Amino acid sequence: MASLHPILKKSYWILASLGGAYAIFMLMLINPWIQRHALYAHRINSGFWYNVSNPEEFGFAKGQVTPFNLTTADGESLFCWHVLPLDVYLKHENEIAQKATEHAEDLTLTVGYKLLKKDHKSKVVINFHGNAGHIADGHRPATYRSISGIPHTHLITCDYRGFGRSTLLNAPHIPTEPGLIIDGVSIVSYVLTSLQHPASRTLLLGQSLGTAVTTATALYFTTPSSPLLPSLPIPTAPPSTPTPFAAILLIAPFPTLPTLLQTYKIKGVIPILSPLRAYPRLSTYLSSKIADHWPTQPRLEALLSAENAPLRLSLLHARNDQDIDFRLSESIFDALEARLLSGAEGALSAQERRSIQGGERVRRGAFAYRRVEDADAARGGKGGKSVELEIVRYGGHNEIVGFAQVGLAVRRAFREAEVEGGGGRFRPGLDVE
């Protein structure tokens, strides 16, 4: 029998080694503890050589960011930032700079909070970041700097339990879906109750994993008894009526975690379940071992179906996202559009999309834009429901958070909320150029 050519033999062993490593990796992920470490990657942290208590290292003005800690409903301590808008900072620069501190024991006693409280035009963006890293990791500060340029718009962002400087005291001493949802609920409750900021001027913003946390948190404040939410050990009473936020903005969302893992690649290179498409039984078995499912699409459908609960939802995704395929955002929109068109009389939908040649003109320079709204939203009513999807051409998975499209989406959402409150009408994305 003829022997293999040395190059072919080496290639064979390389492929066999890669296949063996992949098999070992997948078998390890069956263990929930290892799986959650891989999913949340909370131990991957550049905070060892960056001081998150000194936001000037990340491009902020002295005192523009106030670090503080927030206690969750189950006793965890989350490390947070309060970022001041530049227009407010400029007006009070000397006072803010003189009283700047590396950590505030009580945010309500700071200059920044007092400026937030006395400004009747103030708005708050609550930011939920993705997995891995810490509050100021990678491109995240670019998001905060972009939003700080929006007049009167403050930003609150926190590390989830086990991330960065946030604690991880409760069993099982690792981030979990219920744990991160408690974090989200605690952060929003803090803004609405402790800071006494109205929900009508509060926007929830999530990116990647943060879109799942954002959606679950919003559902809790709309329908706390929803069967789509896990049992949460929250001692405080849930809201008795739906909380109408100014808007919900999701950047690079995914329908569910099992769905995501069918196409997901770590850093756009290492696949998870996609190599097993030819082995559906094995793929199904591994999917059944996923501990945290994060059913974002069903939760968004529940938000859309909730009675007496206005909803302004925006989905934003980059076409060149190598981690989470933009088609997953389109699938989420398809489901929400179908539900709204079938369940709301007089609902309208609109769509614009570039061809392969790029001949068609799409407003805002997006690759695609779609919108669906019920009759109340189309008339500019306060109780309406609307969903829009914008697929932009650039930004990848992480850089997009600092791109202008995110800041513009926040501005449009607040502008629409303000105009609706005054009885006017502004249609984000379909405005005449």
Foldseek 3Di string as FASTA:
>chain_A
DDDDDPVVVVVVVVVVVVVVVLVVVLVVCLDVVVVLCVAQVQVQEPCVPPPPLQCVVLPDDQQQKAWEWFAFLVGWIWIKIKGAAPVLCVVCVVVSNVPGDSHDHDPCVHPRLVSLVVDPPAAEEEEFEGGHYACRPDQNVLLQNLQSPPPNYMYMYIGFDSHDPIHQPDPPSGDAPLRLLSVLLRVVCCCCPVSVDAQLRYEYEYAENGLLSSLSNLLCQAPVPDPVHDDHPRPDDGDPHHRAHLAYEYELYAQKVLVLLCQFADVLHHHRNVVCPVPVVVSVVSSVSHRHISRRLVSVLVQLPRPQYEHHYEYEYECQASGGHCVRVVVSVVVNQVSCVVPAPQKDKDKDAADPVRPDDFPPQFRMKMKIWHPCVVQLAPRIYMYMYTYHHDQYRPRVSSDVVVSVVVVVSSVSSVQSVVRHGDDPRPDDD
